[in-house]
Amino acid sequence: MENLDIETKADALTGSFDIVERQEAHDAAIAALRSEVEEVKGRIEKAQTAFGRAAARPLLGGASTAGADLAGFIDGYVRTGRETELKALSSTVAADGGFAIPQQIDAMIARRLVEISPIRSVASVVRTGSSGFRRLISTGGAASGWVSETGARPETASPKLAEIVPPSGELYANPSATQAMLDDAAFDVEGWLANEIATEFARAEGAAFVNGTGTNQPRGFLAAPTSTAADAARAFGSLQFIGSGNATGFDASPEAKLIDLVFQLKASLRQGATWVMNSATLAVIRKLKTADGAFLWQPGLIEGQPDRLLGYPVIEAANMPDVAAGAFPIAFGNFRAGYLIAERQQTTILRDPYTNKPYVQFYATRRVGGQVMDSDAIKLLRIAA
């Protein structure tokens, strides 16, 4: 009995030591957890401090879209010419490169350009961080063949590639306003500035995308080489055209030439194809009838729906030539695949209150390039016998 009492007391004593050890381990774990929490809180406080400093400075390159930045830009720079805290694009002198406008105004300009620039609305547009944009185009796919399950796999032909380097230039607009207008709090400076810049940009680039020479400006699709050869026989970069059948206008069956023009385009490219012509040519086309007296023209029956010719939408581009001997008054094609527009993402602006007093001029610039991308995707109709 005495031995049993001794063993029982020893077990109770050992258990008490176990409880103490577990309590110490628990306390150590809690202390470690508290240390980790404090460390995380410190990181969060540092991040919040850094974010607060960044938010307090207007980043006009597009990194910040806060309304306070836009209001500061309008009131500080546009209205009064204050340049404090603005981010200059030029690495040397701020006035040389101007200042990047806030992302909101840049987006407004981009939307207006799409709305009023006809070729931009249907072409392929890429935005780059530099003017040296290049794109590789496959002009011939890799060959393929059929083999048996265990047959040899001979090497196939390599694809042929062509490099597209759209020529570019600096597009500029120079709207002006009086200082009294700018001082007027009720004057919508933001809307006025975006609208004026976009209108001038659209006018200039609309002409360049059609007839541009490629020297300090985009190369228009009508400036590309032309040929009557079919896609398989024509050199890459040359656009195919068909004649109208008359040296000064259309022949007795112009609808047949338009149908031929449609089906010169590959079936895969006809999905999304568009007619492009100016209003004078459009007036001629709208009067054309089939043999049974039906008009080829199909007006849009629903608001917002484009008018159609032979089932395809029509884009009115003022810079397309009129119907005349040797001219190309009508283009048909998938411009999304056929024409590439490359542009710098940001518009820069320089405020000039000195050149034309009492007017304040806003010199806005943007680098834009353009070139035919897939010459199989655009077809032309030429006024020729």
Protein backbone atom coordinates (compact mmCIF):
# COMPACT_ATOMS: atom_id res chain seq x y z
CA MET A 1 0.00 0.00 0.00
CA GLU A 2 2.80 2.43 0.76
CA ASN A 3 4.46 1.74 -2.64
CA LEU A 4 1.17 2.45 -4.43
CA ASP A 5 0.76 5.80 -2.65
CA ILE A 6 4.30 6.84 -3.67
CA GLU A 7 3.70 6.02 -7.39
CA THR A 8 0.43 7.98 -7.42
CA LYS A 9 2.10 11.07 -5.98
CA ALA A 10 4.94 10.78 -8.51
CA ASP A 11 2.44 10.65 -11.44
CA ALA A 12 0.69 13.81 -10.22
CA LEU A 13 4.02 15.60 -9.91
CA THR A 14 5.07 14.61 -13.46
CA GLY A 15 1.70 15.82 -14.83
CA SER A 16 2.17 19.21 -13.20
CA PHE A 17 5.52 19.61 -14.99
CA ASP A 18 3.80 18.78 -18.33
CA ILE A 19 1.19 21.48 -17.74
CA VAL A 20 3.91 24.06 -17.07
CA GLU A 21 5.78 23.13 -20.25
CA ARG A 22 2.61 23.36 -22.37
CA GLN A 23 1.80 26.76 -20.84
CA GLU A 24 5.27 28.04 -21.65
CA ALA A 25 5.01 26.78 -25.24
CA HIS A 26 1.61 28.43 -25.59
CA ASP A 27 2.93 31.74 -24.28
CA ALA A 28 5.88 31.58 -26.71
CA ALA A 29 3.55 30.92 -29.67
CA ILE A 30 1.36 33.89 -28.71
CA ALA A 31 4.40 36.15 -28.43
CA ALA A 32 5.66 35.05 -31.87
CA LEU A 33 2.22 35.66 -33.38
CA ARG A 34 2.06 39.14 -31.83
CA SER A 35 5.48 39.91 -33.29
CA GLU A 36 4.33 38.87 -36.76
CA VAL A 37 1.17 40.97 -36.46
CA GLU A 38 3.19 44.03 -35.46
CA GLU A 39 5.52 43.48 -38.42
CA VAL A 40 2.59 43.24 -40.87
CA LYS A 41 1.00 46.38 -39.36
CA GLY A 42 4.28 48.22 -39.88
CA ARG A 43 4.39 47.21 -43.54
CA ILE A 44 0.81 48.32 -44.06
CA GLU A 45 1.52 51.71 -42.48
CA LYS A 46 4.56 52.20 -44.72
CA ALA A 47 2.54 51.26 -47.83
CA GLN A 48 -0.27 53.64 -46.86
CA THR A 49 2.22 56.44 -46.33
CA ALA A 50 3.82 55.82 -49.73
CA PHE A 51 0.43 55.63 -51.42
CA GLY A 52 -0.65 58.88 -49.81
CA ARG A 53 2.43 60.65 -51.14
CA ALA A 54 1.85 59.26 -54.65
CA ALA A 55 -1.82 60.22 -54.60
CA ALA A 56 -0.98 63.76 -53.55
CA ARG A 57 1.14 64.30 -56.72
CA PRO A 58 -0.66 64.45 -60.13
CA LEU A 59 0.71 61.70 -62.38
CA LEU A 60 -0.38 62.99 -65.75
CA GLY A 61 1.09 60.09 -67.68
CA GLY A 62 -2.04 58.09 -67.08
CA ALA A 63 -1.10 56.38 -63.82
CA SER A 64 -3.69 58.30 -61.84
CA THR A 65 -7.31 58.79 -62.83
CA ALA A 66 -8.56 60.57 -59.73
CA GLY A 67 -10.91 63.48 -60.24
CA ALA A 68 -8.68 65.67 -58.08
CA ASP A 69 -5.81 65.25 -60.57
CA LEU A 70 -8.05 66.27 -63.48
CA ALA A 71 -9.39 69.28 -61.58
CA GLY A 72 -5.86 70.27 -60.65
CA PHE A 73 -4.74 70.02 -64.26
CA ILE A 74 -7.67 72.11 -65.54
CA ASP A 75 -7.45 74.80 -62.85
CA GLY A 76 -3.70 74.83 -62.45
CA TYR A 77 -2.26 74.39 -65.93
CA VAL A 78 -5.01 75.00 -68.52
CA ARG A 79 -6.66 78.00 -66.84
CA THR A 80 -3.70 79.70 -65.18
CA GLY A 81 -0.58 78.10 -66.68
CA ARG A 82 0.82 76.86 -63.37
CA GLU A 83 3.32 74.06 -64.07
CA THR A 84 4.04 72.98 -60.50
CA GLU A 85 3.99 69.22 -59.93
CA LEU A 86 3.37 68.42 -63.62
CA LYS A 87 5.21 65.50 -65.14
CA ALA A 88 7.19 66.57 -68.23
CA LEU A 89 7.62 64.13 -71.08
CA SER A 90 10.90 65.68 -72.17
CA SER A 91 13.88 64.56 -70.12
CA THR A 92 15.62 67.93 -70.52
CA VAL A 93 13.33 70.95 -70.78
CA ALA A 94 9.67 70.64 -69.81
CA ALA A 95 8.46 73.15 -72.38
CA ASP A 96 10.13 71.26 -75.25
CA GLY A 97 7.94 68.21 -74.95
CA GLY A 98 4.91 69.65 -73.22
CA PHE A 99 3.00 67.81 -70.54
CA ALA A 100 1.06 64.56 -70.74
CA ILE A 101 -2.61 65.30 -70.30
CA PRO A 102 -4.68 63.29 -67.79
CA GLN A 103 -5.98 59.92 -68.84
CA GLN A 104 -9.60 61.11 -68.77
CA ILE A 105 -9.06 63.78 -71.44
CA ASP A 106 -6.89 61.41 -73.50
CA ALA A 107 -9.70 58.84 -73.44
CA MET A 108 -12.22 61.51 -74.49
CA ILE A 109 -10.00 62.42 -77.45
CA ALA A 110 -9.66 58.76 -78.44
CA ARG A 111 -13.45 58.25 -78.37
CA ARG A 112 -14.01 61.35 -80.51
CA LEU A 113 -11.39 60.17 -82.99
CA VAL A 114 -13.17 56.86 -83.45
CA GLU A 115 -16.52 58.62 -83.84
CA ILE A 116 -15.45 61.12 -86.52
CA SER A 117 -12.44 59.47 -88.21
CA PRO A 118 -13.91 56.94 -90.68
CA ILE A 119 -10.83 54.79 -91.35
CA ARG A 120 -9.86 54.60 -87.68
CA SER A 121 -13.32 53.24 -86.87
CA VAL A 122 -12.78 50.17 -89.09
CA ALA A 123 -8.97 49.70 -89.09
CA SER A 124 -6.73 47.85 -86.64
CA VAL A 125 -5.32 50.23 -84.00
CA VAL A 126 -2.37 49.43 -81.72
CA ARG A 127 -1.00 51.71 -78.99
CA THR A 128 2.71 51.59 -78.31
CA GLY A 129 5.15 53.16 -75.90
CA SER A 130 7.56 54.20 -78.68
CA SER A 131 7.43 55.22 -82.32
CA GLY A 132 9.54 52.27 -83.56
CA PHE A 133 6.68 49.78 -83.85
CA ARG A 134 7.17 46.66 -85.99
CA ARG A 135 4.96 43.70 -86.80
CA LEU A 136 5.69 40.43 -88.60
CA ILE A 137 3.09 39.23 -91.11
CA SER A 138 2.96 35.68 -92.44
CA THR A 139 2.70 35.78 -96.24
CA GLY A 140 2.60 31.99 -96.63
CA GLY A 141 1.72 29.34 -94.08
CA ALA A 142 3.90 26.33 -93.29
CA ALA A 143 3.25 23.35 -95.55
CA SER A 144 1.54 20.26 -94.14
CA GLY A 145 0.83 16.70 -95.28
CA TRP A 146 -0.81 13.39 -94.48
CA VAL A 147 1.09 10.39 -93.15
CA SER A 148 0.26 6.97 -91.76
CA GLU A 149 0.50 6.12 -88.09
CA THR A 150 4.04 4.80 -88.38
CA GLY A 151 5.14 6.65 -91.52
CA ALA A 152 8.08 9.06 -91.66
CA ARG A 153 7.44 12.76 -91.03
CA PRO A 154 9.45 14.72 -93.61
CA GLU A 155 10.30 18.34 -92.88
CA THR A 156 7.72 20.85 -94.10
CA ALA A 157 8.39 24.22 -95.72
CA SER A 158 9.00 27.19 -93.43
CA PRO A 159 6.46 30.04 -93.34
CA LYS A 160 7.33 33.24 -95.21
CA LEU A 161 7.33 36.41 -93.13
CA ALA A 162 7.20 40.10 -94.02
CA GLU A 163 7.97 42.95 -91.63
CA ILE A 164 5.52 45.84 -91.34
CA VAL A 165 6.99 49.14 -90.11
CA PRO A 166 4.24 51.78 -90.34
CA PRO A 167 5.72 55.19 -91.23
CA SER A 168 4.70 57.78 -88.68
CA GLY A 169 4.70 61.49 -88.05
CA GLU A 170 3.77 63.96 -85.38
CA LEU A 171 0.12 64.93 -85.55
CA TYR A 172 -0.66 68.28 -83.97
CA ALA A 173 -3.57 70.57 -83.18
CA ASN A 174 -3.39 74.16 -81.98
CA PRO A 175 -6.76 75.37 -80.63
CA SER A 176 -6.93 78.75 -78.88
CA ALA A 177 -9.15 80.50 -76.36
CA THR A 178 -9.11 83.87 -74.65
CA GLN A 179 -7.94 84.09 -71.06
CA ALA A 180 -11.35 85.51 -70.13
CA MET A 181 -12.99 82.30 -71.38
CA LEU A 182 -10.57 80.20 -69.37
CA ASP A 183 -11.15 82.29 -66.24
CA ASP A 184 -14.90 81.74 -66.49
CA ALA A 185 -15.76 78.98 -64.01
CA ALA A 186 -18.83 78.00 -66.06
CA PHE A 187 -16.72 77.38 -69.18
CA ASP A 188 -16.28 73.63 -69.78
CA VAL A 189 -12.54 73.66 -70.44
CA GLU A 190 -12.23 69.88 -70.37
CA GLY A 191 -14.92 69.27 -73.00
CA TRP A 192 -13.80 72.17 -75.18
CA LEU A 193 -10.15 71.10 -75.17
CA ALA A 194 -10.89 67.43 -75.94
CA ASN A 195 -13.34 68.31 -78.72
CA GLU A 196 -11.04 70.83 -80.42
CA ILE A 197 -8.03 68.52 -80.33
CA ALA A 198 -9.99 65.47 -81.51
CA THR A 199 -11.61 67.36 -84.39
CA GLU A 200 -8.29 68.60 -85.73
CA PHE A 201 -6.63 65.20 -85.25
CA ALA A 202 -9.47 63.45 -87.07
CA ARG A 203 -9.34 65.84 -90.01
CA ALA A 204 -5.58 65.44 -90.46
CA GLU A 205 -5.36 61.69 -89.93
CA GLY A 206 -8.44 61.01 -92.07
CA ALA A 207 -6.58 62.43 -95.06
CA ALA A 208 -3.34 60.61 -94.19
CA PHE A 209 -4.91 57.16 -93.78
CA VAL A 210 -6.32 57.43 -97.31
CA ASN A 211 -3.71 59.40 -99.29
CA GLY A 212 -0.75 59.84 -96.93
CA THR A 213 2.68 59.78 -98.58
CA GLY A 214 4.51 57.97 -95.77
CA THR A 215 6.95 60.88 -95.34
CA ASN A 216 6.54 62.27 -91.80
CA GLN A 217 2.99 60.91 -91.87
CA PRO A 218 1.19 57.56 -92.27
CA ARG A 219 1.13 55.91 -95.70
CA GLY A 220 -2.45 55.78 -96.94
CA PHE A 221 -3.88 52.67 -98.52
CA LEU A 222 -4.35 54.48 -101.85
CA ALA A 223 -0.59 55.21 -101.83
CA ALA A 224 0.20 51.49 -101.94
CA PRO A 225 1.25 49.88 -105.25
CA THR A 226 -1.63 48.46 -107.31
CA SER A 227 -1.98 45.55 -109.70
CA THR A 228 -4.66 43.62 -111.56
CA ALA A 229 -3.05 40.30 -110.57
CA ALA A 230 -4.88 37.94 -108.22
CA ASP A 231 -3.79 37.29 -104.64
CA ALA A 232 -1.62 34.28 -105.41
CA ALA A 233 0.31 36.05 -108.19
CA ARG A 234 0.56 39.58 -106.80
CA ALA A 235 3.55 40.90 -104.86
CA PHE A 236 3.00 41.36 -101.13
CA GLY A 237 2.03 44.94 -100.35
CA SER A 238 0.28 45.59 -103.68
CA LEU A 239 -3.49 46.09 -103.77
CA GLN A 240 -5.60 44.43 -106.44
CA PHE A 241 -7.98 46.56 -108.51
CA ILE A 242 -10.52 45.96 -111.23
CA GLY A 243 -11.56 48.44 -113.93
CA SER A 244 -14.95 50.11 -114.11
CA GLY A 245 -15.30 49.35 -117.84
CA ASN A 246 -15.42 53.02 -118.84
CA ALA A 247 -12.58 55.53 -119.11
CA THR A 248 -14.48 58.33 -117.35
CA GLY A 249 -17.10 56.59 -115.22
CA PHE A 250 -19.10 53.37 -114.95
CA ASP A 251 -20.15 51.16 -117.87
CA ALA A 252 -23.68 50.00 -118.71
CA SER A 253 -23.70 47.42 -115.91
CA PRO A 254 -21.90 48.95 -112.91
CA GLU A 255 -23.58 46.56 -110.48
CA ALA A 256 -21.70 43.69 -112.12
CA LYS A 257 -18.34 45.40 -111.44
CA LEU A 258 -19.28 45.95 -107.80
CA ILE A 259 -20.23 42.28 -107.44
CA ASP A 260 -16.93 41.28 -109.03
CA LEU A 261 -15.10 43.51 -106.56
CA VAL A 262 -16.84 41.84 -103.60
CA PHE A 263 -15.90 38.35 -104.71
CA GLN A 264 -12.28 39.19 -105.42
CA LEU A 265 -11.98 39.24 -101.62
CA LYS A 266 -11.36 35.93 -99.88
CA ALA A 267 -14.38 34.43 -98.15
CA SER A 268 -12.73 34.59 -94.73
CA LEU A 269 -12.04 38.32 -95.17
CA ARG A 270 -15.55 39.17 -96.38
CA GLN A 271 -16.76 38.68 -92.81
CA GLY A 272 -16.43 42.23 -91.53
CA ALA A 273 -15.74 43.86 -94.91
CA THR A 274 -16.76 47.47 -95.60
CA TRP A 275 -17.21 49.81 -98.55
CA VAL A 276 -15.30 53.12 -98.43
CA MET A 277 -16.14 56.07 -100.71
CA ASN A 278 -16.86 59.80 -100.54
CA SER A 279 -20.25 61.50 -100.70
CA ALA A 280 -20.03 62.35 -104.43
CA THR A 281 -19.40 58.71 -105.34
CA LEU A 282 -22.08 57.70 -102.87
CA ALA A 283 -24.60 59.85 -104.74
CA VAL A 284 -23.79 57.98 -107.95
CA ILE A 285 -23.97 54.55 -106.30
CA ARG A 286 -27.31 55.27 -104.62
CA LYS A 287 -28.91 55.71 -108.06
CA LEU A 288 -27.79 52.36 -109.39
CA LYS A 289 -30.47 49.75 -110.04
CA THR A 290 -30.54 46.09 -110.94
CA ALA A 291 -32.12 44.82 -114.17
CA ASP A 292 -35.50 44.45 -112.45
CA GLY A 293 -35.45 48.08 -111.18
CA ALA A 294 -34.44 47.45 -107.56
CA PHE A 295 -31.89 49.78 -105.98
CA LEU A 296 -28.55 48.24 -105.03
CA TRP A 297 -28.48 50.60 -102.05
CA GLN A 298 -30.10 49.37 -98.85
CA PRO A 299 -30.68 52.14 -96.28
CA GLY A 300 -30.37 51.28 -92.60
CA LEU A 301 -33.84 50.59 -91.25
CA ILE A 302 -32.87 50.93 -87.58
CA GLU A 303 -31.19 53.94 -85.97
CA GLY A 304 -27.50 53.28 -85.57
CA GLN A 305 -27.46 50.61 -88.29
CA PRO A 306 -25.20 51.51 -91.27
CA ASP A 307 -26.48 51.79 -94.82
CA ARG A 308 -25.54 48.80 -96.96
CA LEU A 309 -24.45 48.10 -100.50
CA LEU A 310 -24.79 44.49 -101.68
CA GLY A 311 -25.22 43.53 -98.02
CA TYR A 312 -22.06 45.24 -96.70
CA PRO A 313 -21.89 48.49 -94.66
CA VAL A 314 -20.72 51.72 -96.28
CA ILE A 315 -18.23 54.13 -94.67
CA GLU A 316 -18.20 57.68 -96.02
CA ALA A 317 -14.64 59.05 -96.19
CA ALA A 318 -14.37 62.61 -97.51
CA ASN A 319 -10.77 62.11 -98.65
CA MET A 320 -11.59 59.37 -101.15
CA PRO A 321 -11.34 60.67 -104.76
CA ASP A 322 -14.35 61.49 -106.94
CA VAL A 323 -15.32 59.44 -109.98
CA ALA A 324 -12.78 60.54 -112.62
CA ALA A 325 -10.46 59.00 -115.19
CA GLY A 326 -7.73 56.92 -113.54
CA ALA A 327 -9.04 57.48 -110.00
CA PHE A 328 -9.82 54.88 -107.31
CA PRO A 329 -13.13 56.19 -105.95
CA ILE A 330 -14.27 52.94 -104.30
CA ALA A 331 -12.49 50.62 -101.88
CA PHE A 332 -13.89 47.39 -100.48
CA GLY A 333 -12.24 45.25 -97.89
CA ASN A 334 -11.72 44.09 -94.35
CA PHE A 335 -9.82 47.08 -93.00
CA ARG A 336 -9.43 45.46 -89.59
CA ALA A 337 -7.12 42.96 -91.25
CA GLY A 338 -5.92 45.21 -94.07
CA TYR A 339 -4.81 48.50 -92.48
CA LEU A 340 -2.72 49.06 -89.35
CA ILE A 341 -2.68 52.27 -87.29
CA ALA A 342 0.11 52.58 -84.69
CA GLU A 343 0.03 55.46 -82.22
CA ARG A 344 1.63 56.66 -79.04
CA GLN A 345 -0.79 56.20 -76.17
CA GLN A 346 -0.54 59.67 -74.68
CA THR A 347 -1.32 63.10 -76.06
CA THR A 348 0.95 65.93 -74.92
CA ILE A 349 -0.04 69.56 -74.61
CA LEU A 350 1.90 72.82 -74.41
CA ARG A 351 0.20 76.00 -73.17
CA ASP A 352 1.25 79.10 -75.12
CA PRO A 353 -0.16 82.45 -73.88
CA TYR A 354 2.49 84.58 -75.66
CA THR A 355 2.42 83.94 -79.42
CA ASN A 356 -1.03 85.30 -80.23
CA LYS A 357 -2.12 87.61 -77.41
CA PRO A 358 -4.83 87.94 -76.08
CA TYR A 359 -5.44 84.31 -77.06
CA VAL A 360 -4.03 81.33 -75.19
CA GLN A 361 -3.06 78.53 -77.58
CA PHE A 362 -2.85 74.86 -76.65
CA TYR A 363 -0.35 73.02 -78.83
CA ALA A 364 -1.29 69.32 -78.64
CA THR A 365 0.79 66.59 -80.29
CA ARG A 366 0.54 62.85 -80.84
CA ARG A 367 2.66 60.46 -82.89
CA VAL A 368 0.61 58.39 -85.34
CA GLY A 369 1.67 55.90 -88.03
CA GLY A 370 -0.21 53.79 -90.54
CA GLN A 371 0.31 51.37 -93.41
CA VAL A 372 -1.41 48.59 -95.35
CA MET A 373 -0.96 45.43 -93.29
CA ASP A 374 -2.51 42.64 -95.40
CA SER A 375 -2.71 43.63 -99.05
CA ASP A 376 -5.11 40.75 -99.76
CA ALA A 377 -7.71 42.33 -97.49
CA ILE A 378 -8.40 45.53 -99.48
CA LYS A 379 -9.66 45.74 -103.09
CA LEU A 380 -10.04 48.85 -105.25
CA LEU A 381 -12.21 49.88 -108.18
CA ARG A 382 -10.46 52.04 -110.78
CA ILE A 383 -12.16 54.23 -113.34
CA ALA A 384 -10.65 52.76 -116.48
CA ALA A 385 -11.81 51.05 -119.68
